[in-house]
Amino acid sequence: MTSHHHVIVRFQLDSEQELFELVNLINELEEIVKTSPDFISAKLHRNVEGTVLINYATWTSPQAYESFWKAYVVDTETNKKIKSYKPMVDQVFVLQQ
């Protein structure tokens, strides 16, 4: 069984305008991210009220994610703007039986 690395980033939003702006920024950032051969996919989820946006991304490994992020994403203007929305990063753990 192949195990991937999942990154979940949550944003609390105050308005639909913030939601629209943040989705546009995430789409800009994805143009950079999808150039990595280690990036598998990303999906955006929002609650019905539009006050929470979740970015769920899948990478081949934690090392691939960290390496690419540090080398190509951290210092981008788009990422700096996204940080102004105070992202909260969650971790995914696989439960073994």
PDB file of N, CA and C in Angstrom:
ATOM      1  N   MET A   1       0.837  -1.182   0.000  1.00  0.00           N
ATOM      2  CA  MET A   1       0.000   0.000   0.000  1.00  0.00           C
ATOM      3  C   MET A   1       0.885   1.248   0.000  1.00  0.00           C
ATOM      4  N   THR A   2       0.611   2.171  -0.890  1.00  0.00           N
ATOM      5  CA  THR A   2       1.360   3.420  -0.966  1.00  0.00           C
ATOM      6  C   THR A   2       0.795   4.413   0.032  1.00  0.00           C
ATOM      7  N   SER A   3       1.681   5.044   0.773  1.00  0.00           N
ATOM      8  CA  SER A   3       1.263   6.049   1.734  1.00  0.00           C
ATOM      9  C   SER A   3       1.692   7.419   1.220  1.00  0.00           C
ATOM     10  N   HIS A   4       0.761   8.324   1.191  1.00  0.00           N
ATOM     11  CA  HIS A   4       1.048   9.682   0.755  1.00  0.00           C
ATOM     12  C   HIS A   4       1.034  10.629   1.942  1.00  0.00           C
ATOM     13  N   HIS A   5       1.483  11.841   1.701  1.00  0.00           N
ATOM     14  CA  HIS A   5       1.473  12.878   2.730  1.00  0.00           C
ATOM     15  C   HIS A   5       0.324  13.838   2.425  1.00  0.00           C
ATOM     16  N   HIS A   6      -0.551  14.030   3.406  1.00  0.00           N
ATOM     17  CA  HIS A   6      -1.712  14.917   3.227  1.00  0.00           C
ATOM     18  C   HIS A   6      -1.504  16.174   4.065  1.00  0.00           C
ATOM     19  N   VAL A   7      -1.766  17.300   3.447  1.00  0.00           N
ATOM     20  CA  VAL A   7      -1.648  18.586   4.118  1.00  0.00           C
ATOM     21  C   VAL A   7      -3.034  19.233   4.124  1.00  0.00           C
ATOM     22  N   ILE A   8      -3.510  19.566   5.311  1.00  0.00           N
ATOM     23  CA  ILE A   8      -4.814  20.206   5.445  1.00  0.00           C
ATOM     24  C   ILE A   8      -4.594  21.592   6.043  1.00  0.00           C
ATOM     25  N   VAL A   9      -5.049  22.610   5.317  1.00  0.00           N
ATOM     26  CA  VAL A   9      -4.899  23.977   5.788  1.00  0.00           C
ATOM     27  C   VAL A   9      -6.295  24.594   5.883  1.00  0.00           C
ATOM     28  N   ARG A  10      -6.637  25.077   7.093  1.00  0.00           N
ATOM     29  CA  ARG A  10      -7.952  25.667   7.344  1.00  0.00           C
ATOM     30  C   ARG A  10      -7.833  27.179   7.494  1.00  0.00           C
ATOM     31  N   PHE A  11      -8.842  27.864   7.003  1.00  0.00           N
ATOM     32  CA  PHE A  11      -8.919  29.319   7.119  1.00  0.00           C
ATOM     33  C   PHE A  11     -10.281  29.709   7.676  1.00  0.00           C
ATOM     34  N   GLN A  12     -10.296  30.560   8.696  1.00  0.00           N
ATOM     35  CA  GLN A  12     -11.533  31.163   9.193  1.00  0.00           C
ATOM     36  C   GLN A  12     -11.721  32.464   8.434  1.00  0.00           C
ATOM     37  N   LEU A  13     -12.902  32.670   7.884  1.00  0.00           N
ATOM     38  CA  LEU A  13     -13.157  33.844   7.056  1.00  0.00           C
ATOM     39  C   LEU A  13     -14.290  34.674   7.632  1.00  0.00           C
ATOM     40  N   ASP A  14     -14.246  35.970   7.373  1.00  0.00           N
ATOM     41  CA  ASP A  14     -15.274  36.877   7.883  1.00  0.00           C
ATOM     42  C   ASP A  14     -16.324  37.243   6.839  1.00  0.00           C
ATOM     43  N   SER A  15     -16.018  37.018   5.568  1.00  0.00           N
ATOM     44  CA  SER A  15     -16.977  37.443   4.546  1.00  0.00           C
ATOM     45  C   SER A  15     -16.814  36.618   3.270  1.00  0.00           C
ATOM     46  N   GLU A  16     -17.815  36.704   2.424  1.00  0.00           N
ATOM     47  CA  GLU A  16     -17.745  36.032   1.131  1.00  0.00           C
ATOM     48  C   GLU A  16     -16.651  36.652   0.268  1.00  0.00           C
ATOM     49  N   GLN A  17     -16.404  37.933   0.442  1.00  0.00           N
ATOM     50  CA  GLN A  17     -15.334  38.607  -0.295  1.00  0.00           C
ATOM     51  C   GLN A  17     -13.977  38.006   0.062  1.00  0.00           C
ATOM     52  N   GLU A  18     -13.752  37.741   1.345  1.00  0.00           N
ATOM     53  CA  GLU A  18     -12.508  37.092   1.759  1.00  0.00           C
ATOM     54  C   GLU A  18     -12.389  35.708   1.129  1.00  0.00           C
ATOM     55  N   LEU A  19     -13.493  34.975   1.096  1.00  0.00           N
ATOM     56  CA  LEU A  19     -13.495  33.649   0.481  1.00  0.00           C
ATOM     57  C   LEU A  19     -13.069  33.754  -0.979  1.00  0.00           C
ATOM     58  N   PHE A  20     -13.660  34.673  -1.722  1.00  0.00           N
ATOM     59  CA  PHE A  20     -13.351  34.873  -3.134  1.00  0.00           C
ATOM     60  C   PHE A  20     -11.870  35.228  -3.324  1.00  0.00           C
ATOM     61  N   GLU A  21     -11.366  36.161  -2.511  1.00  0.00           N
ATOM     62  CA  GLU A  21      -9.968  36.592  -2.613  1.00  0.00           C
ATOM     63  C   GLU A  21      -9.009  35.448  -2.297  1.00  0.00           C
ATOM     64  N   LEU A  22      -9.310  34.692  -1.246  1.00  0.00           N
ATOM     65  CA  LEU A  22      -8.438  33.601  -0.839  1.00  0.00           C
ATOM     66  C   LEU A  22      -8.413  32.486  -1.873  1.00  0.00           C
ATOM     67  N   VAL A  23      -9.556  32.144  -2.435  1.00  0.00           N
ATOM     68  CA  VAL A  23      -9.593  31.114  -3.480  1.00  0.00           C
ATOM     69  C   VAL A  23      -8.738  31.540  -4.664  1.00  0.00           C
ATOM     70  N   ASN A  24      -8.801  32.793  -5.041  1.00  0.00           N
ATOM     71  CA  ASN A  24      -7.963  33.285  -6.138  1.00  0.00           C
ATOM     72  C   ASN A  24      -6.483  33.170  -5.808  1.00  0.00           C
ATOM     73  N   LEU A  25      -6.100  33.497  -4.581  1.00  0.00           N
ATOM     74  CA  LEU A  25      -4.699  33.375  -4.172  1.00  0.00           C
ATOM     75  C   LEU A  25      -4.247  31.915  -4.174  1.00  0.00           C
ATOM     76  N   ILE A  26      -5.084  31.022  -3.682  1.00  0.00           N
ATOM     77  CA  ILE A  26      -4.736  29.603  -3.674  1.00  0.00           C
ATOM     78  C   ILE A  26      -4.583  29.089  -5.096  1.00  0.00           C
ATOM     79  N   ASN A  27      -5.440  29.526  -6.000  1.00  0.00           N
ATOM     80  CA  ASN A  27      -5.310  29.132  -7.406  1.00  0.00           C
ATOM     81  C   ASN A  27      -3.993  29.629  -7.994  1.00  0.00           C
ATOM     82  N   GLU A  28      -3.580  30.848  -7.647  1.00  0.00           N
ATOM     83  CA  GLU A  28      -2.285  31.366  -8.100  1.00  0.00           C
ATOM     84  C   GLU A  28      -1.145  30.494  -7.575  1.00  0.00           C
ATOM     85  N   LEU A  29      -1.203  30.176  -6.295  1.00  0.00           N
ATOM     86  CA  LEU A  29      -0.155  29.364  -5.682  1.00  0.00           C
ATOM     87  C   LEU A  29      -0.107  27.973  -6.291  1.00  0.00           C
ATOM     88  N   GLU A  30      -1.257  27.427  -6.645  1.00  0.00           N
ATOM     89  CA  GLU A  30      -1.284  26.083  -7.228  1.00  0.00           C
ATOM     90  C   GLU A  30      -0.546  26.034  -8.559  1.00  0.00           C
ATOM     91  N   GLU A  31      -0.486  27.138  -9.284  1.00  0.00           N
ATOM     92  CA  GLU A  31       0.277  27.170 -10.536  1.00  0.00           C
ATOM     93  C   GLU A  31       1.751  26.863 -10.285  1.00  0.00           C
ATOM     94  N   ILE A  32       2.268  27.298  -9.139  1.00  0.00           N
ATOM     95  CA  ILE A  32       3.645  26.993  -8.771  1.00  0.00           C
ATOM     96  C   ILE A  32       3.743  25.552  -8.292  1.00  0.00           C
ATOM     97  N   VAL A  33       2.840  25.183  -7.400  1.00  0.00           N
ATOM     98  CA  VAL A  33       2.892  23.870  -6.746  1.00  0.00           C
ATOM     99  C   VAL A  33       2.747  22.728  -7.744  1.00  0.00           C
ATOM    100  N   LYS A  34       1.874  22.872  -8.707  1.00  0.00           N
ATOM    101  CA  LYS A  34       1.639  21.752  -9.625  1.00  0.00           C
ATOM    102  C   LYS A  34       2.804  21.495 -10.580  1.00  0.00           C
ATOM    103  N   THR A  35       3.856  22.329 -10.522  1.00  0.00           N
ATOM    104  CA  THR A  35       5.054  22.054 -11.317  1.00  0.00           C
ATOM    105  C   THR A  35       5.916  20.973 -10.678  1.00  0.00           C
ATOM    106  N   SER A  36       5.643  20.668  -9.410  1.00  0.00           N
ATOM    107  CA  SER A  36       6.423  19.649  -8.712  1.00  0.00           C
ATOM    108  C   SER A  36       5.941  18.255  -9.099  1.00  0.00           C
ATOM    109  N   PRO A  37       6.862  17.364  -9.466  1.00  0.00           N
ATOM    110  CA  PRO A  37       6.463  15.989  -9.784  1.00  0.00           C
ATOM    111  C   PRO A  37       5.963  15.232  -8.548  1.00  0.00           C
ATOM    112  N   ASP A  38       6.240  15.766  -7.346  1.00  0.00           N
ATOM    113  CA  ASP A  38       5.819  15.121  -6.102  1.00  0.00           C
ATOM    114  C   ASP A  38       4.436  15.564  -5.628  1.00  0.00           C
ATOM    115  N   PHE A  39       3.872  16.572  -6.273  1.00  0.00           N
ATOM    116  CA  PHE A  39       2.527  17.036  -5.947  1.00  0.00           C
ATOM    117  C   PHE A  39       1.520  16.116  -6.631  1.00  0.00           C
ATOM    118  N   ILE A  40       0.544  15.632  -5.873  1.00  0.00           N
ATOM    119  CA  ILE A  40      -0.449  14.719  -6.436  1.00  0.00           C
ATOM    120  C   ILE A  40      -1.762  15.437  -6.734  1.00  0.00           C
ATOM    121  N   SER A  41      -2.328  16.123  -5.738  1.00  0.00           N
ATOM    122  CA  SER A  41      -3.607  16.792  -5.970  1.00  0.00           C
ATOM    123  C   SER A  41      -3.911  17.770  -4.844  1.00  0.00           C
ATOM    124  N   ALA A  42      -4.903  18.618  -5.101  1.00  0.00           N
ATOM    125  CA  ALA A  42      -5.409  19.524  -4.070  1.00  0.00           C
ATOM    126  C   ALA A  42      -6.900  19.737  -4.307  1.00  0.00           C
ATOM    127  N   LYS A  43      -7.613  19.886  -3.211  1.00  0.00           N
ATOM    128  CA  LYS A  43      -9.053  20.140  -3.280  1.00  0.00           C
ATOM    129  C   LYS A  43      -9.390  21.217  -2.267  1.00  0.00           C
ATOM    130  N   LEU A  44     -10.311  22.077  -2.635  1.00  0.00           N
ATOM    131  CA  LEU A  44     -10.798  23.100  -1.712  1.00  0.00           C
ATOM    132  C   LEU A  44     -12.184  22.697  -1.227  1.00  0.00           C
ATOM    133  N   HIS A  45     -12.415  22.875   0.061  1.00  0.00           N
ATOM    134  CA  HIS A  45     -13.713  22.591   0.675  1.00  0.00           C
ATOM    135  C   HIS A  45     -14.125  23.832   1.454  1.00  0.00           C
ATOM    136  N   ARG A  46     -15.408  24.133   1.455  1.00  0.00           N
ATOM    137  CA  ARG A  46     -15.884  25.239   2.287  1.00  0.00           C
ATOM    138  C   ARG A  46     -17.159  24.809   2.985  1.00  0.00           C
ATOM    139  N   ASN A  47     -17.406  25.419   4.124  1.00  0.00           N
ATOM    140  CA  ASN A  47     -18.654  25.112   4.803  1.00  0.00           C
ATOM    141  C   ASN A  47     -19.796  25.879   4.131  1.00  0.00           C
ATOM    142  N   VAL A  48     -21.014  25.507   4.445  1.00  0.00           N
ATOM    143  CA  VAL A  48     -22.190  26.095   3.793  1.00  0.00           C
ATOM    144  C   VAL A  48     -22.261  27.600   4.033  1.00  0.00           C
ATOM    145  N   GLU A  49     -21.873  28.026   5.221  1.00  0.00           N
ATOM    146  CA  GLU A  49     -21.937  29.446   5.563  1.00  0.00           C
ATOM    147  C   GLU A  49     -20.846  30.276   4.879  1.00  0.00           C
ATOM    148  N   GLY A  50     -19.831  29.615   4.339  1.00  0.00           N
ATOM    149  CA  GLY A  50     -18.739  30.329   3.690  1.00  0.00           C
ATOM    150  C   GLY A  50     -17.765  30.958   4.661  1.00  0.00           C
ATOM    151  N   THR A  51     -17.740  30.459   5.903  1.00  0.00           N
ATOM    152  CA  THR A  51     -16.846  31.038   6.913  1.00  0.00           C
ATOM    153  C   THR A  51     -15.591  30.206   7.138  1.00  0.00           C
ATOM    154  N   VAL A  52     -15.527  29.013   6.555  1.00  0.00           N
ATOM    155  CA  VAL A  52     -14.354  28.148   6.676  1.00  0.00           C
ATOM    156  C   VAL A  52     -13.985  27.630   5.294  1.00  0.00           C
ATOM    157  N   LEU A  53     -12.724  27.760   4.955  1.00  0.00           N
ATOM    158  CA  LEU A  53     -12.198  27.203   3.716  1.00  0.00           C
ATOM    159  C   LEU A  53     -11.075  26.241   4.084  1.00  0.00           C
ATOM    160  N   ILE A  54     -11.107  25.061   3.491  1.00  0.00           N
ATOM    161  CA  ILE A  54     -10.098  24.049   3.764  1.00  0.00           C
ATOM    162  C   ILE A  54      -9.418  23.664   2.455  1.00  0.00           C
ATOM    163  N   ASN A  55      -8.094  23.697   2.464  1.00  0.00           N
ATOM    164  CA  ASN A  55      -7.303  23.241   1.325  1.00  0.00           C
ATOM    165  C   ASN A  55      -6.717  21.885   1.716  1.00  0.00           C
ATOM    166  N   TYR A  56      -7.074  20.841   0.973  1.00  0.00           N
ATOM    167  CA  TYR A  56      -6.624  19.476   1.258  1.00  0.00           C
ATOM    168  C   TYR A  56      -5.713  19.056   0.115  1.00  0.00           C
ATOM    169  N   ALA A  57      -4.414  18.968   0.388  1.00  0.00           N
ATOM    170  CA  ALA A  57      -3.434  18.648  -0.656  1.00  0.00           C
ATOM    171  C   ALA A  57      -2.750  17.322  -0.354  1.00  0.00           C
ATOM    172  N   THR A  58      -2.378  16.625  -1.419  1.00  0.00           N
ATOM    173  CA  THR A  58      -1.708  15.341  -1.291  1.00  0.00           C
ATOM    174  C   THR A  58      -0.363  15.396  -2.016  1.00  0.00           C
ATOM    175  N   TRP A  59       0.680  14.925  -1.317  1.00  0.00           N
ATOM    176  CA  TRP A  59       2.037  14.883  -1.832  1.00  0.00           C
ATOM    177  C   TRP A  59       2.569  13.464  -1.726  1.00  0.00           C
ATOM    178  N   THR A  60       3.638  13.172  -2.442  1.00  0.00           N
ATOM    179  CA  THR A  60       4.193  11.817  -2.411  1.00  0.00           C
ATOM    180  C   THR A  60       4.798  11.466  -1.056  1.00  0.00           C
ATOM    181  N   SER A  61       5.344  12.460  -0.351  1.00  0.00           N
ATOM    182  CA  SER A  61       5.961  12.198   0.951  1.00  0.00           C
ATOM    183  C   SER A  61       6.092  13.506   1.726  1.00  0.00           C
ATOM    184  N   PRO A  62       6.256  13.410   3.041  1.00  0.00           N
ATOM    185  CA  PRO A  62       6.485  14.632   3.824  1.00  0.00           C
ATOM    186  C   PRO A  62       7.762  15.356   3.396  1.00  0.00           C
ATOM    187  N   GLN A  63       8.796  14.590   3.067  1.00  0.00           N
ATOM    188  CA  GLN A  63      10.064  15.199   2.661  1.00  0.00           C
ATOM    189  C   GLN A  63       9.921  15.965   1.343  1.00  0.00           C
ATOM    190  N   ALA A  64       9.181  15.401   0.407  1.00  0.00           N
ATOM    191  CA  ALA A  64       8.970  16.065  -0.874  1.00  0.00           C
ATOM    192  C   ALA A  64       8.206  17.374  -0.681  1.00  0.00           C
ATOM    193  N   TYR A  65       7.189  17.337   0.158  1.00  0.00           N
ATOM    194  CA  TYR A  65       6.399  18.536   0.447  1.00  0.00           C
ATOM    195  C   TYR A  65       7.278  19.615   1.071  1.00  0.00           C
ATOM    196  N   GLU A  66       7.987  19.258   2.133  1.00  0.00           N
ATOM    197  CA  GLU A  66       8.833  20.230   2.844  1.00  0.00           C
ATOM    198  C   GLU A  66       9.891  20.831   1.928  1.00  0.00           C
ATOM    199  N   SER A  67      10.540  19.983   1.168  1.00  0.00           N
ATOM    200  CA  SER A  67      11.610  20.422   0.285  1.00  0.00           C
ATOM    201  C   SER A  67      11.098  21.400  -0.770  1.00  0.00           C
ATOM    202  N   PHE A  68      10.026  21.028  -1.444  1.00  0.00           N
ATOM    203  CA  PHE A  68       9.481  21.898  -2.488  1.00  0.00           C
ATOM    204  C   PHE A  68       8.985  23.206  -1.885  1.00  0.00           C
ATOM    205  N   TRP A  69       8.270  23.102  -0.783  1.00  0.00           N
ATOM    206  CA  TRP A  69       7.682  24.294  -0.156  1.00  0.00           C
ATOM    207  C   TRP A  69       8.769  25.300   0.217  1.00  0.00           C
ATOM    208  N   LYS A  70       9.827  24.809   0.848  1.00  0.00           N
ATOM    209  CA  LYS A  70      10.915  25.699   1.265  1.00  0.00           C
ATOM    210  C   LYS A  70      11.652  26.296   0.072  1.00  0.00           C
ATOM    211  N   ALA A  71      11.834  25.524  -0.979  1.00  0.00           N
ATOM    212  CA  ALA A  71      12.612  25.990  -2.134  1.00  0.00           C
ATOM    213  C   ALA A  71      11.836  26.910  -3.066  1.00  0.00           C
ATOM    214  N   TYR A  72      10.529  26.691  -3.218  1.00  0.00           N
ATOM    215  CA  TYR A  72       9.802  27.394  -4.281  1.00  0.00           C
ATOM    216  C   TYR A  72       8.591  28.199  -3.839  1.00  0.00           C
ATOM    217  N   VAL A  73       8.130  28.044  -2.598  1.00  0.00           N
ATOM    218  CA  VAL A  73       6.854  28.664  -2.231  1.00  0.00           C
ATOM    219  C   VAL A  73       6.963  29.689  -1.112  1.00  0.00           C
ATOM    220  N   VAL A  74       7.737  29.419  -0.094  1.00  0.00           N
ATOM    221  CA  VAL A  74       7.733  30.231   1.123  1.00  0.00           C
ATOM    222  C   VAL A  74       7.867  31.724   0.852  1.00  0.00           C
ATOM    223  N   ASP A  75       8.786  32.124   0.004  1.00  0.00           N
ATOM    224  CA  ASP A  75       9.050  33.544  -0.208  1.00  0.00           C
ATOM    225  C   ASP A  75       8.266  34.189  -1.343  1.00  0.00           C
ATOM    226  N   THR A  76       7.270  33.510  -1.881  1.00  0.00           N
ATOM    227  CA  THR A  76       6.489  34.116  -2.961  1.00  0.00           C
ATOM    228  C   THR A  76       5.541  35.173  -2.405  1.00  0.00           C
ATOM    229  N   GLU A  77       5.240  36.163  -3.205  1.00  0.00           N
ATOM    230  CA  GLU A  77       4.290  37.203  -2.800  1.00  0.00           C
ATOM    231  C   GLU A  77       2.911  36.608  -2.547  1.00  0.00           C
ATOM    232  N   THR A  78       2.522  35.638  -3.368  1.00  0.00           N
ATOM    233  CA  THR A  78       1.216  35.005  -3.190  1.00  0.00           C
ATOM    234  C   THR A  78       1.143  34.314  -1.838  1.00  0.00           C
ATOM    235  N   ASN A  79       2.165  33.587  -1.452  1.00  0.00           N
ATOM    236  CA  ASN A  79       2.165  32.906  -0.162  1.00  0.00           C
ATOM    237  C   ASN A  79       2.128  33.913   0.989  1.00  0.00           C
ATOM    238  N   LYS A  80       2.831  35.003   0.845  1.00  0.00           N
ATOM    239  CA  LYS A  80       2.800  36.042   1.885  1.00  0.00           C
ATOM    240  C   LYS A  80       1.388  36.591   2.057  1.00  0.00           C
ATOM    241  N   LYS A  81       0.668  36.769   0.960  1.00  0.00           N
ATOM    242  CA  LYS A  81      -0.720  37.247   1.043  1.00  0.00           C
ATOM    243  C   LYS A  81      -1.623  36.202   1.695  1.00  0.00           C
ATOM    244  N   ILE A  82      -1.408  34.938   1.351  1.00  0.00           N
ATOM    245  CA  ILE A  82      -2.212  33.861   1.946  1.00  0.00           C
ATOM    246  C   ILE A  82      -1.985  33.813   3.459  1.00  0.00           C
ATOM    247  N   LYS A  83      -0.763  34.036   3.900  1.00  0.00           N
ATOM    248  CA  LYS A  83      -0.462  34.010   5.334  1.00  0.00           C
ATOM    249  C   LYS A  83      -1.242  35.073   6.102  1.00  0.00           C
ATOM    250  N   SER A  84      -1.628  36.152   5.436  1.00  0.00           N
ATOM    251  CA  SER A  84      -2.401  37.193   6.113  1.00  0.00           C
ATOM    252  C   SER A  84      -3.778  36.687   6.544  1.00  0.00           C
ATOM    253  N   TYR A  85      -4.217  35.555   5.996  1.00  0.00           N
ATOM    254  CA  TYR A  85      -5.494  34.946   6.383  1.00  0.00           C
ATOM    255  C   TYR A  85      -5.326  33.983   7.564  1.00  0.00           C
ATOM    256  N   LYS A  86      -4.138  33.919   8.131  1.00  0.00           N
ATOM    257  CA  LYS A  86      -3.817  33.107   9.313  1.00  0.00           C
ATOM    258  C   LYS A  86      -4.201  31.635   9.144  1.00  0.00           C
ATOM    259  N   PRO A  87      -3.540  30.954   8.210  1.00  0.00           N
ATOM    260  CA  PRO A  87      -3.842  29.535   7.996  1.00  0.00           C
ATOM    261  C   PRO A  87      -3.500  28.677   9.211  1.00  0.00           C
ATOM    262  N   MET A  88      -4.314  27.655   9.424  1.00  0.00           N
ATOM    263  CA  MET A  88      -4.090  26.674  10.486  1.00  0.00           C
ATOM    264  C   MET A  88      -3.846  25.334   9.809  1.00  0.00           C
ATOM    265  N   VAL A  89      -2.662  24.745  10.047  1.00  0.00           N
ATOM    266  CA  VAL A  89      -2.291  23.502   9.378  1.00  0.00           C
ATOM    267  C   VAL A  89      -2.599  22.314  10.288  1.00  0.00           C
ATOM    268  N   ASP A  90      -3.281  21.323   9.729  1.00  0.00           N
ATOM    269  CA  ASP A  90      -3.594  20.085  10.448  1.00  0.00           C
ATOM    270  C   ASP A  90      -2.776  18.945   9.869  1.00  0.00           C
ATOM    271  N   GLN A  91      -2.620  17.893  10.670  1.00  0.00           N
ATOM    272  CA  GLN A  91      -1.906  16.709  10.212  1.00  0.00           C
ATOM    273  C   GLN A  91      -2.877  15.539  10.094  1.00  0.00           C
ATOM    274  N   VAL A  92      -2.570  14.633   9.179  1.00  0.00           N
ATOM    275  CA  VAL A  92      -3.371  13.427   8.992  1.00  0.00           C
ATOM    276  C   VAL A  92      -2.536  12.245   9.473  1.00  0.00           C
ATOM    277  N   PHE A  93      -3.131  11.418  10.291  1.00  0.00           N
ATOM    278  CA  PHE A  93      -2.465  10.229  10.784  1.00  0.00           C
ATOM    279  C   PHE A  93      -3.234   9.004  10.327  1.00  0.00           C
ATOM    280  N   VAL A  94      -2.505   7.980   9.911  1.00  0.00           N
ATOM    281  CA  VAL A  94      -3.120   6.725   9.521  1.00  0.00           C
ATOM    282  C   VAL A  94      -3.220   5.846  10.756  1.00  0.00           C
ATOM    283  N   LEU A  95      -4.417   5.353  11.025  1.00  0.00           N
ATOM    284  CA  LEU A  95      -4.626   4.449  12.153  1.00  0.00           C
ATOM    285  C   LEU A  95      -4.494   3.012  11.691  1.00  0.00           C
ATOM    286  N   GLN A  96      -3.621   2.285  12.336  1.00  0.00           N
ATOM    287  CA  GLN A  96      -3.392   0.882  11.986  1.00  0.00           C
ATOM    288  C   GLN A  96      -4.204   0.002  12.925  1.00  0.00           C
ATOM    289  N   GLN A  97      -4.763  -1.067  12.374  1.00  0.00           N
ATOM    290  CA  GLN A  97      -5.517  -2.018  13.207  1.00  0.00           C
ATOM    291  C   GLN A  97      -4.736  -3.264  13.441  1.00  0.00           C
TER     292      GLN A  97
END
